[in-house]
């Protein structure tokens, strides 16, 4: 009787444990999706790069998205094509443009969970890593921005997971070929997948040593890379010029600024994070997670090497794809500390968790939508329009469907029939017109340069007769009179 009761109790606890595990995991994913959905439906105005990319989507044909884009934009062609398809069906609202990043950001929870299951046995460690992933402010923000960076995160996790699953000695040639095709296609959705696929094909050959099956795996990858090389040659003249000029100061990084991943600006907290990552690397090595640590470390190292050769900037949003790898390393330390079960280990764990709390949640502010609407509502047919250099993408996108008979003065350049903006932050008014609207959604602190002569406000010597100023820009009607 006692034995029967004990078995019933064990079975009951086993069933409850599964329910508790499912509930905990579901709650974490719900929290993550809730934050992302809240950010998504808040629907902030497009900032500069989003406007520029959106303008390309609505102004170019599908085939043109494989060529050089306007306004110095570069993005994976299939990401652009998917977005154009969504926009063509549901309309040109910001929510439609941002749907693919939002959807992919939520979808990434699935491969990340299975990747964690491959690496860690303890549910508590998996839940810890999933929670860090769910509340990470960078992943939340870039999960609703109309740029391809969150796709880089998805493919970073998925490529890692797929290489974890591949068994060169056991898989037949059909399965290897399908996997190779999948890896090859990734490059058309995410440029950083080249780095991660390269790391994977080298790491898996070293760890499994089956050259014949390895060659079957990489054959479709090489074919896709060859096709991509043709695409890259078409855009490289603009891409290299833009990357070299715009990101010159960001190229020569010799380390990855991991503190950027967690938005913590306290130096001591950053030191704790760096120490934690070093310990996590050692822990994974000791526990014979050699494939995993080799994949992660070489992903970091090759990114830095490419930065040194001015091929890829190891800079902020461009290294977003490394956040899941950092979380995995930190989770390894969590796993070790949980196993220790001592007061000291609990204290260290608390210090680490406090160091991961973001001290700020920064978003790229823009009031382009509000400023443009005010501008359009107050525009007269005879008015001249002068657009600040860095406001050009916002103007082009938000006025795309507005029929204007106005004379527009836009201080921009055309290179090879492509619209190219000037990156100078100073603006000068044209001298050949006495009255015009000045539209800017990038220049800040207009209040600091507005002069007052009694009740009259002036800017750059021109009298302001109408205005709207926000923290992220301004629109003025000015006159020399």
Protein backbone atom coordinates (compact mmCIF):
# COMPACT_ATOMS: atom_id res chain seq x y z
CA UNK A 1 0.00 0.00 0.00
CA UNK A 2 2.78 2.37 0.96
CA UNK A 3 4.64 1.52 -2.27
CA UNK A 4 1.52 2.22 -4.32
CA UNK A 5 1.04 5.61 -2.66
CA UNK A 6 4.67 6.49 -3.25
CA UNK A 7 4.39 5.63 -6.95
CA UNK A 8 1.21 7.69 -7.25
CA UNK A 9 2.93 10.63 -5.56
CA UNK A 10 5.96 10.38 -7.90
CA UNK A 11 3.69 10.15 -10.95
CA UNK A 12 1.65 13.12 -9.70
CA UNK A 13 4.79 15.23 -9.17
CA UNK A 14 6.16 14.17 -12.56
CA UNK A 15 3.00 15.30 -14.32
CA UNK A 16 2.95 18.56 -12.36
CA UNK A 17 6.61 19.15 -13.16
CA UNK A 18 5.81 19.00 -16.88
CA UNK A 19 2.93 21.40 -16.39
CA UNK A 20 5.07 23.79 -14.35
CA UNK A 21 7.80 23.62 -16.99
CA UNK A 22 5.31 24.32 -19.76
CA UNK A 23 3.69 27.15 -17.80
CA UNK A 24 7.05 28.78 -16.98
CA UNK A 25 8.25 28.57 -20.56
CA UNK A 26 4.94 29.88 -21.87
CA UNK A 27 5.01 32.77 -19.40
CA UNK A 28 8.54 33.78 -20.48
CA UNK A 29 7.63 33.67 -24.16
CA UNK A 30 4.42 35.60 -23.44
CA UNK A 31 6.40 38.33 -21.64
CA UNK A 32 8.82 38.57 -24.56
CA UNK A 33 6.07 38.75 -27.18
CA UNK A 34 4.08 41.20 -25.05
CA UNK A 35 7.01 43.63 -24.93
CA UNK A 36 7.55 43.28 -28.66
CA UNK A 37 3.87 43.67 -29.49
CA UNK A 38 3.56 46.72 -27.23
CA UNK A 39 6.50 48.33 -29.00
CA UNK A 40 5.06 47.34 -32.38
CA UNK A 41 1.58 48.80 -31.90
CA UNK A 42 3.03 52.01 -30.42
CA UNK A 43 3.91 52.63 -34.08
CA UNK A 44 6.57 55.34 -33.73
CA UNK A 45 7.42 57.50 -36.71
CA UNK A 46 10.08 56.16 -39.07
CA UNK A 47 13.57 57.44 -38.42
CA UNK A 48 16.04 58.25 -41.18
CA UNK A 49 17.14 54.74 -42.27
CA UNK A 50 13.64 53.29 -42.01
CA UNK A 51 12.27 56.09 -44.20
CA UNK A 52 15.06 55.62 -46.73
CA UNK A 53 14.51 51.86 -46.97
CA UNK A 54 10.74 52.25 -47.12
CA UNK A 55 11.10 54.78 -49.94
CA UNK A 56 13.07 52.20 -51.93
CA UNK A 57 10.34 49.61 -51.36
CA UNK A 58 7.55 51.80 -52.72
CA UNK A 59 9.50 53.49 -55.52
CA UNK A 60 11.36 50.51 -57.02
CA UNK A 61 10.17 47.41 -58.85
CA UNK A 62 10.78 43.93 -57.44
CA UNK A 63 13.72 43.27 -59.74
CA UNK A 64 15.31 46.62 -58.85
CA UNK A 65 15.60 45.50 -55.23
CA UNK A 66 18.49 43.28 -56.36
CA UNK A 67 20.39 46.36 -57.53
CA UNK A 68 21.85 49.49 -55.96
CA UNK A 69 19.25 51.17 -53.76
CA UNK A 70 18.56 54.87 -53.44
CA UNK A 71 19.70 56.96 -50.46
CA UNK A 72 22.75 54.80 -49.73
CA UNK A 73 20.73 51.89 -48.43
CA UNK A 74 21.87 48.26 -48.45
CA UNK A 75 19.65 45.38 -47.34
CA UNK A 76 19.19 41.69 -48.18
CA UNK A 77 17.07 41.39 -51.37
CA UNK A 78 14.66 38.71 -50.14
CA UNK A 79 13.93 40.72 -47.00
CA UNK A 80 13.03 43.67 -49.23
CA UNK A 81 10.94 41.54 -51.58
CA UNK A 82 8.95 39.99 -48.70
CA UNK A 83 8.30 43.46 -47.30
CA UNK A 84 7.22 44.81 -50.70
CA UNK A 85 4.80 41.89 -51.02
CA UNK A 86 3.29 42.63 -47.57
CA UNK A 87 3.05 46.35 -48.34
CA UNK A 88 1.48 45.75 -51.76
CA UNK A 89 -1.31 43.76 -50.09
CA UNK A 90 -1.91 45.61 -46.82
CA UNK A 91 -0.81 49.17 -47.56
CA UNK A 92 2.05 51.57 -46.94
CA UNK A 93 1.61 52.10 -43.18
CA UNK A 94 4.59 51.82 -40.84
CA UNK A 95 3.01 48.72 -39.26
CA UNK A 96 3.05 46.94 -42.61
CA UNK A 97 6.68 47.79 -43.26
CA UNK A 98 7.62 46.62 -39.77
CA UNK A 99 5.59 43.41 -39.84
CA UNK A 100 8.39 41.13 -41.11
CA UNK A 101 10.89 42.23 -38.38
CA UNK A 102 8.16 41.96 -35.72
CA UNK A 103 7.06 38.49 -36.88
CA UNK A 104 10.64 37.19 -37.17
CA UNK A 105 11.55 38.67 -33.76
CA UNK A 106 8.72 36.69 -32.16
CA UNK A 107 9.50 33.56 -34.20
CA UNK A 108 13.11 33.52 -32.96
CA UNK A 109 11.98 32.21 -29.56
CA UNK A 110 11.42 28.78 -31.14
CA UNK A 111 14.91 28.01 -32.52
CA UNK A 112 16.54 29.68 -29.51
CA UNK A 113 14.69 27.36 -27.13
CA UNK A 114 15.74 24.24 -29.03
CA UNK A 115 19.32 25.51 -29.26
CA UNK A 116 19.38 25.93 -25.48
CA UNK A 117 17.96 22.41 -25.03
CA UNK A 118 20.86 21.05 -27.09
CA UNK A 119 23.43 22.79 -24.91
CA UNK A 120 21.97 22.66 -21.38
CA UNK A 121 20.20 19.94 -19.46
CA UNK A 122 18.79 21.98 -16.58
CA UNK A 123 15.40 23.58 -17.17
CA UNK A 124 16.32 26.42 -14.82
CA UNK A 125 19.28 27.35 -17.06
CA UNK A 126 17.12 27.23 -20.17
CA UNK A 127 14.47 29.41 -18.51
CA UNK A 128 17.14 31.89 -17.36
CA UNK A 129 18.53 32.24 -20.88
CA UNK A 130 15.05 32.50 -22.41
CA UNK A 131 14.15 35.23 -19.91
CA UNK A 132 17.28 37.23 -20.78
CA UNK A 133 16.35 36.84 -24.43
CA UNK A 134 12.73 37.87 -23.79
CA UNK A 135 13.50 41.12 -21.93
CA UNK A 136 16.62 42.21 -23.81
CA UNK A 137 15.95 45.86 -24.78
CA UNK A 138 17.99 45.64 -27.99
CA UNK A 139 16.09 42.62 -29.26
CA UNK A 140 12.77 44.25 -28.36
CA UNK A 141 13.59 47.52 -30.10
CA UNK A 142 15.15 46.09 -33.25
CA UNK A 143 12.32 43.57 -33.37
CA UNK A 144 10.00 46.39 -34.47
CA UNK A 145 12.41 48.48 -36.55
CA UNK A 146 12.15 48.32 -40.33
CA UNK A 147 15.71 47.11 -40.82
CA UNK A 148 17.06 43.57 -41.28
CA UNK A 149 19.02 43.36 -38.01
CA UNK A 150 16.50 41.16 -36.18
CA UNK A 151 16.64 38.76 -39.14
CA UNK A 152 20.38 38.51 -38.47
CA UNK A 153 19.49 37.34 -34.94
CA UNK A 154 17.01 34.75 -36.23
CA UNK A 155 19.50 33.29 -38.69
CA UNK A 156 22.33 33.40 -36.13
CA UNK A 157 20.25 31.16 -33.85
CA UNK A 158 18.85 28.95 -36.63
CA UNK A 159 22.20 28.38 -38.35
CA UNK A 160 23.83 27.47 -35.04
CA UNK A 161 20.96 25.07 -34.25
CA UNK A 162 21.09 23.39 -37.65
CA UNK A 163 24.84 22.84 -37.46
CA UNK A 164 24.28 21.34 -34.01
CA UNK A 165 21.88 18.82 -35.52
CA UNK A 166 23.97 17.81 -38.54
CA UNK A 167 25.67 14.42 -38.33
CA UNK A 168 28.03 14.05 -41.28
CA UNK A 169 28.58 10.37 -40.60
CA UNK A 170 24.88 9.52 -40.25
CA UNK A 171 22.96 11.78 -42.65
CA UNK A 172 22.44 10.65 -46.23
CA UNK A 173 23.30 12.83 -49.20
CA UNK A 174 19.70 14.07 -49.66
CA UNK A 175 19.47 15.43 -46.12
CA UNK A 176 22.89 17.05 -46.41
CA UNK A 177 21.94 18.62 -49.73
CA UNK A 178 18.70 20.03 -48.29
CA UNK A 179 20.63 21.45 -45.32
CA UNK A 180 23.18 22.98 -47.69
CA UNK A 181 20.42 24.63 -49.75
CA UNK A 182 18.91 26.06 -46.56
CA UNK A 183 22.28 27.49 -45.49
CA UNK A 184 22.83 28.94 -48.96
CA UNK A 185 19.47 30.69 -49.11
CA UNK A 186 20.09 32.38 -45.75
CA UNK A 187 22.48 34.88 -47.33
CA UNK A 188 19.62 36.45 -49.31
CA UNK A 189 17.80 37.22 -46.06
CA UNK A 190 20.76 38.07 -43.83
CA UNK A 191 24.23 39.21 -44.85
CA UNK A 192 25.75 38.08 -41.53
CA UNK A 193 24.72 34.51 -42.30
CA UNK A 194 27.87 34.36 -44.46
CA UNK A 195 29.99 34.73 -41.32
CA UNK A 196 28.03 32.13 -39.37
CA UNK A 197 27.74 29.61 -42.20
CA UNK A 198 31.47 29.85 -42.85
CA UNK A 199 32.16 29.28 -39.14
CA UNK A 200 29.79 26.31 -39.15
CA UNK A 201 31.21 24.52 -42.19
CA UNK A 202 34.76 24.80 -40.84
CA UNK A 203 33.82 23.83 -37.28
CA UNK A 204 31.75 20.82 -38.33
CA UNK A 205 34.52 19.49 -40.59
CA UNK A 206 37.05 19.70 -37.75
CA UNK A 207 34.70 18.03 -35.26
CA UNK A 208 33.29 15.25 -37.47
CA UNK A 209 35.98 14.68 -40.14
CA UNK A 210 33.94 13.31 -43.05
CA UNK A 211 35.21 15.12 -46.11
CA UNK A 212 32.94 13.39 -48.64
CA UNK A 213 29.70 14.24 -46.82
CA UNK A 214 31.07 17.69 -45.97
CA UNK A 215 31.56 18.44 -49.67
CA UNK A 216 27.95 17.41 -50.38
CA UNK A 217 26.82 19.79 -47.64
CA UNK A 218 28.79 22.80 -48.87
CA UNK A 219 28.13 22.39 -52.63
CA UNK A 220 24.79 24.31 -52.65
CA UNK A 221 26.27 26.82 -50.21
CA UNK A 222 29.13 27.59 -52.59
CA UNK A 223 26.67 27.91 -55.49
CA UNK A 224 24.57 30.45 -53.57
CA UNK A 225 27.67 32.33 -52.52
CA UNK A 226 28.75 32.52 -56.16
CA UNK A 227 25.38 33.99 -57.14
CA UNK A 228 25.61 36.37 -54.22
CA UNK A 229 29.09 37.43 -55.38
CA UNK A 230 27.57 38.49 -58.71
CA UNK A 231 24.96 40.52 -56.83
CA UNK A 232 27.66 42.03 -54.61
CA UNK A 233 29.78 43.07 -57.61
CA UNK A 234 26.78 45.01 -58.87
CA UNK A 235 26.42 47.01 -55.66
CA UNK A 236 29.99 46.96 -54.36
CA UNK A 237 31.05 50.35 -55.79
CA UNK A 238 28.37 52.09 -53.73
CA UNK A 239 28.55 49.73 -50.77
CA UNK A 240 32.31 50.09 -50.25
CA UNK A 241 32.18 53.87 -50.62
CA UNK A 242 29.35 54.17 -48.13
CA UNK A 243 30.77 51.71 -45.60
CA UNK A 244 34.25 53.20 -45.70
CA UNK A 245 33.11 56.80 -45.40
CA UNK A 246 30.23 56.45 -42.96
CA UNK A 247 31.63 53.77 -40.64
CA UNK A 248 35.31 54.58 -40.84
CA UNK A 249 35.61 55.33 -37.11
CA UNK A 250 33.75 52.13 -36.25
CA UNK A 251 35.80 49.64 -38.23
CA UNK A 252 38.96 49.15 -36.22
CA UNK A 253 37.42 47.48 -33.17
CA UNK A 254 39.65 44.87 -31.54
CA UNK A 255 36.90 43.72 -29.18
CA UNK A 256 33.15 43.38 -29.30
CA UNK A 257 31.43 45.94 -26.99
CA UNK A 258 29.37 43.33 -25.15
CA UNK A 259 28.08 45.95 -22.70
CA UNK A 260 26.07 47.39 -25.62
CA UNK A 261 24.03 44.18 -25.72
CA UNK A 262 22.44 44.78 -22.32
CA UNK A 263 22.15 48.61 -22.23
CA UNK A 264 23.99 48.90 -18.95
CA UNK A 265 26.10 52.05 -18.70
CA UNK A 266 27.63 51.35 -15.25
CA UNK A 267 31.31 50.50 -15.64
CA UNK A 268 31.36 48.06 -12.72
CA UNK A 269 28.39 46.21 -14.17
CA UNK A 270 30.15 45.99 -17.53
CA UNK A 271 33.23 44.56 -15.81
CA UNK A 272 31.07 41.91 -14.14
CA UNK A 273 29.55 41.00 -17.53
CA UNK A 274 32.97 40.64 -19.17
CA UNK A 275 34.25 38.48 -16.30
CA UNK A 276 31.09 36.37 -16.47
CA UNK A 277 31.60 35.77 -20.19
CA UNK A 278 35.24 34.71 -19.65
CA UNK A 279 34.15 32.28 -16.93
CA UNK A 280 31.32 31.00 -19.13
CA UNK A 281 33.74 30.25 -21.96
CA UNK A 282 35.97 28.24 -19.61
CA UNK A 283 32.96 26.40 -18.18
CA UNK A 284 31.73 25.33 -21.63
CA UNK A 285 35.22 24.15 -22.55
CA UNK A 286 35.60 22.15 -19.35
CA UNK A 287 32.19 20.54 -19.91
CA UNK A 288 33.31 19.39 -23.37
CA UNK A 289 31.02 21.75 -25.26
CA UNK A 290 33.83 22.21 -27.74
CA UNK A 291 31.72 22.49 -30.87
CA UNK A 292 29.46 25.06 -29.21
CA UNK A 293 32.25 27.21 -27.81
CA UNK A 294 34.25 26.97 -31.05
CA UNK A 295 31.22 28.12 -33.06
CA UNK A 296 30.55 31.03 -30.70
CA UNK A 297 34.15 32.16 -30.34
CA UNK A 298 34.94 32.02 -34.05
CA UNK A 299 31.78 34.01 -34.78
CA UNK A 300 33.11 36.78 -32.53
CA UNK A 301 36.68 36.52 -33.83
CA UNK A 302 35.80 36.57 -37.54
CA UNK A 303 33.50 39.57 -37.00
CA UNK A 304 36.43 41.44 -35.43
CA UNK A 305 38.80 40.36 -38.24
CA UNK A 306 36.34 41.60 -40.88
CA UNK A 307 36.15 44.88 -39.00
CA UNK A 308 39.94 45.23 -39.13
CA UNK A 309 39.85 44.76 -42.91
CA UNK A 310 37.06 47.34 -43.29
CA UNK A 311 34.65 44.72 -44.57
CA UNK A 312 32.09 44.74 -41.75
CA UNK A 313 31.65 47.25 -38.90
CA UNK A 314 31.76 45.60 -35.47
CA UNK A 315 29.44 48.34 -34.33
CA UNK A 316 26.22 48.44 -32.33
CA UNK A 317 23.25 47.24 -34.42
CA UNK A 318 25.54 45.41 -36.87
CA UNK A 319 26.60 42.98 -34.12
CA UNK A 320 23.09 42.38 -32.81
CA UNK A 321 23.30 38.79 -34.09
CA UNK A 322 25.88 38.01 -31.38
CA UNK A 323 23.47 38.74 -28.49
CA UNK A 324 22.05 35.16 -28.32
CA UNK A 325 25.61 33.78 -28.19
CA UNK A 326 26.46 36.11 -25.29
CA UNK A 327 23.32 34.99 -23.48
CA UNK A 328 24.32 31.34 -23.92
CA UNK A 329 27.74 31.99 -22.40
CA UNK A 330 26.20 33.85 -19.44
CA UNK A 331 23.69 31.03 -19.01
CA UNK A 332 26.61 28.60 -18.69
CA UNK A 333 27.80 30.54 -15.62
CA UNK A 334 24.26 30.48 -14.25
CA UNK A 335 24.24 26.71 -14.72
CA UNK A 336 27.48 26.37 -12.78
CA UNK A 337 26.35 28.62 -9.92
CA UNK A 338 23.01 26.81 -9.59
CA UNK A 339 24.86 23.49 -9.34
CA UNK A 340 27.15 24.83 -6.59
CA UNK A 341 24.31 25.42 -4.10
CA UNK A 342 26.44 27.56 -1.77
CA UNK A 343 25.81 30.98 -0.26
CA UNK A 344 28.74 32.43 -2.19
CA UNK A 345 27.42 31.12 -5.50
CA UNK A 346 23.98 32.61 -4.80
CA UNK A 347 25.59 35.97 -3.97
CA UNK A 348 27.63 35.95 -7.20
CA UNK A 349 24.51 35.03 -9.14
CA UNK A 350 22.64 38.00 -7.70
CA UNK A 351 25.52 40.33 -8.63
CA UNK A 352 25.51 39.01 -12.20
CA UNK A 353 21.76 39.42 -12.54
CA UNK A 354 21.93 42.99 -11.23
CA UNK A 355 24.68 43.73 -13.77
CA UNK A 356 22.40 42.62 -16.59
CA UNK A 357 19.63 45.06 -15.70
CA UNK A 358 19.48 47.80 -18.38
CA UNK A 359 20.05 51.34 -17.10
CA UNK A 360 18.36 52.87 -20.14
CA UNK A 361 16.16 51.86 -23.01
CA UNK A 362 17.20 54.00 -25.94
CA UNK A 363 15.24 54.34 -29.14
CA UNK A 364 15.99 56.37 -32.22
CA UNK A 365 13.60 59.28 -31.91
CA UNK A 366 11.86 60.75 -34.92
CA UNK A 367 8.89 63.02 -35.42
CA UNK A 368 8.90 62.79 -39.21
CA UNK A 369 5.26 61.75 -39.46
CA UNK A 370 3.95 64.58 -37.26
CA UNK A 371 6.18 67.23 -38.80
CA UNK A 372 5.31 66.20 -42.35
CA UNK A 373 1.59 66.24 -41.65
CA UNK A 374 1.83 69.74 -40.18
CA UNK A 375 3.89 70.84 -43.16
CA UNK A 376 1.40 69.41 -45.69
CA UNK A 377 -1.62 70.87 -43.86
CA UNK A 378 -0.16 74.40 -43.98
CA UNK A 379 1.45 74.33 -47.42
CA UNK A 380 0.31 76.76 -50.11
CA UNK A 381 0.64 76.05 -53.82
CA UNK A 382 3.03 78.95 -54.40
CA UNK A 383 5.41 78.06 -51.57
CA UNK A 384 8.97 76.97 -52.14
CA UNK A 385 10.14 73.99 -50.11
CA UNK A 386 13.70 73.63 -48.82
CA UNK A 387 14.64 70.27 -47.35
CA UNK A 388 17.51 69.72 -44.96
CA UNK A 389 20.04 67.19 -46.30
CA UNK A 390 19.36 64.52 -43.71
CA UNK A 391 15.59 64.96 -43.86
CA UNK A 392 15.38 63.91 -47.50
CA UNK A 393 14.35 60.24 -46.91
CA UNK A 394 11.64 61.29 -44.44
CA UNK A 395 10.31 63.84 -46.92
CA UNK A 396 10.36 61.42 -49.85
CA UNK A 397 8.54 58.68 -47.96
CA UNK A 398 5.93 60.69 -46.05
CA UNK A 399 5.02 62.80 -49.08
CA UNK A 400 5.11 59.96 -51.60
CA UNK A 401 1.33 60.01 -52.24
CA UNK A 402 0.98 63.78 -51.90
CA UNK A 403 0.57 65.64 -55.20
CA UNK A 404 2.69 68.79 -55.03
CA UNK A 405 2.89 71.58 -57.55
CA UNK A 406 5.40 73.39 -55.40
CA UNK A 407 8.94 74.24 -56.36
CA UNK A 408 11.16 72.04 -54.23
CA UNK A 409 14.76 72.93 -53.45
CA UNK A 410 16.57 69.82 -52.23
CA UNK A 411 20.29 70.12 -51.42
CA UNK A 412 21.26 66.60 -52.46
CA UNK A 413 23.50 64.95 -55.00
CA UNK A 414 22.86 62.39 -57.71
CA UNK A 415 25.55 59.81 -58.37
CA UNK A 416 25.00 57.42 -61.28
CA UNK A 417 21.33 58.49 -61.35
CA UNK A 418 20.92 57.39 -57.73
CA UNK A 419 19.78 59.72 -54.97
CA UNK A 420 22.65 60.22 -52.52
CA UNK A 421 22.38 62.34 -49.39
CA UNK A 422 25.10 64.53 -47.95
CA UNK A 423 26.03 63.65 -44.40
CA UNK A 424 26.87 67.18 -43.27
CA UNK A 425 24.92 68.30 -40.20
CA UNK A 426 25.07 72.05 -40.93
CA UNK A 427 22.45 73.59 -43.16
CA UNK A 428 22.40 76.80 -45.18
CA UNK A 429 19.37 78.51 -46.68
CA UNK A 430 19.27 79.25 -50.44
CA UNK A 431 19.86 82.89 -51.38
CA UNK A 432 17.76 82.99 -54.54
CA UNK A 433 14.34 82.79 -52.85
CA UNK A 434 12.90 85.18 -50.24
CA UNK A 435 10.17 83.02 -48.72
CA UNK A 436 9.99 79.26 -48.27
CA UNK A 437 9.26 76.33 -45.97
CA UNK A 438 12.28 74.71 -44.33
CA UNK A 439 11.70 71.06 -43.49
CA UNK A 440 14.03 69.13 -41.18
CA UNK A 441 13.47 65.95 -39.20
CA UNK A 442 17.03 65.33 -38.08
CA UNK A 443 18.52 68.61 -36.87
CA UNK A 444 17.84 69.04 -33.15
CA UNK A 445 17.90 71.94 -30.70
CA UNK A 446 16.36 74.53 -33.00
CA UNK A 447 15.46 76.55 -29.92
CA UNK A 448 19.17 77.17 -29.35
CA UNK A 449 19.65 78.87 -32.73
CA UNK A 450 16.41 80.86 -32.89
CA UNK A 451 17.03 84.57 -32.36
CA UNK A 452 14.50 86.90 -30.73
CA UNK A 453 13.94 90.54 -31.69
CA UNK A 454 11.03 91.60 -29.54
CA UNK A 455 8.11 89.40 -30.60
CA UNK A 456 9.84 88.40 -33.83
CA UNK A 457 11.65 85.08 -34.09
CA UNK A 458 14.44 84.59 -36.61
CA UNK A 459 16.57 81.68 -37.77
CA UNK A 460 19.66 82.18 -39.91
CA UNK A 461 18.57 85.81 -40.44
CA UNK A 462 15.12 84.83 -41.77
CA UNK A 463 11.93 85.80 -39.96
CA UNK A 464 9.81 82.85 -38.84
CA UNK A 465 6.15 83.25 -39.77
CA UNK A 466 5.01 79.68 -39.02
CA UNK A 467 6.67 76.82 -37.20
CA UNK A 468 6.40 73.47 -35.47
CA UNK A 469 9.33 72.31 -33.34
CA UNK A 470 9.69 68.89 -31.73
CA UNK A 471 12.58 67.24 -29.85
CA UNK A 472 13.62 65.54 -33.10
CA UNK A 473 13.21 68.18 -35.74
CA UNK A 474 11.26 71.17 -36.94
CA UNK A 475 9.42 72.71 -39.85
CA UNK A 476 9.44 76.48 -40.45
CA UNK A 477 7.98 78.95 -42.87
CA UNK A 478 10.49 81.78 -43.13
CA UNK A 479 10.84 85.02 -45.05
CA UNK A 480 13.43 87.75 -45.55
CA UNK A 481 10.76 90.46 -45.13
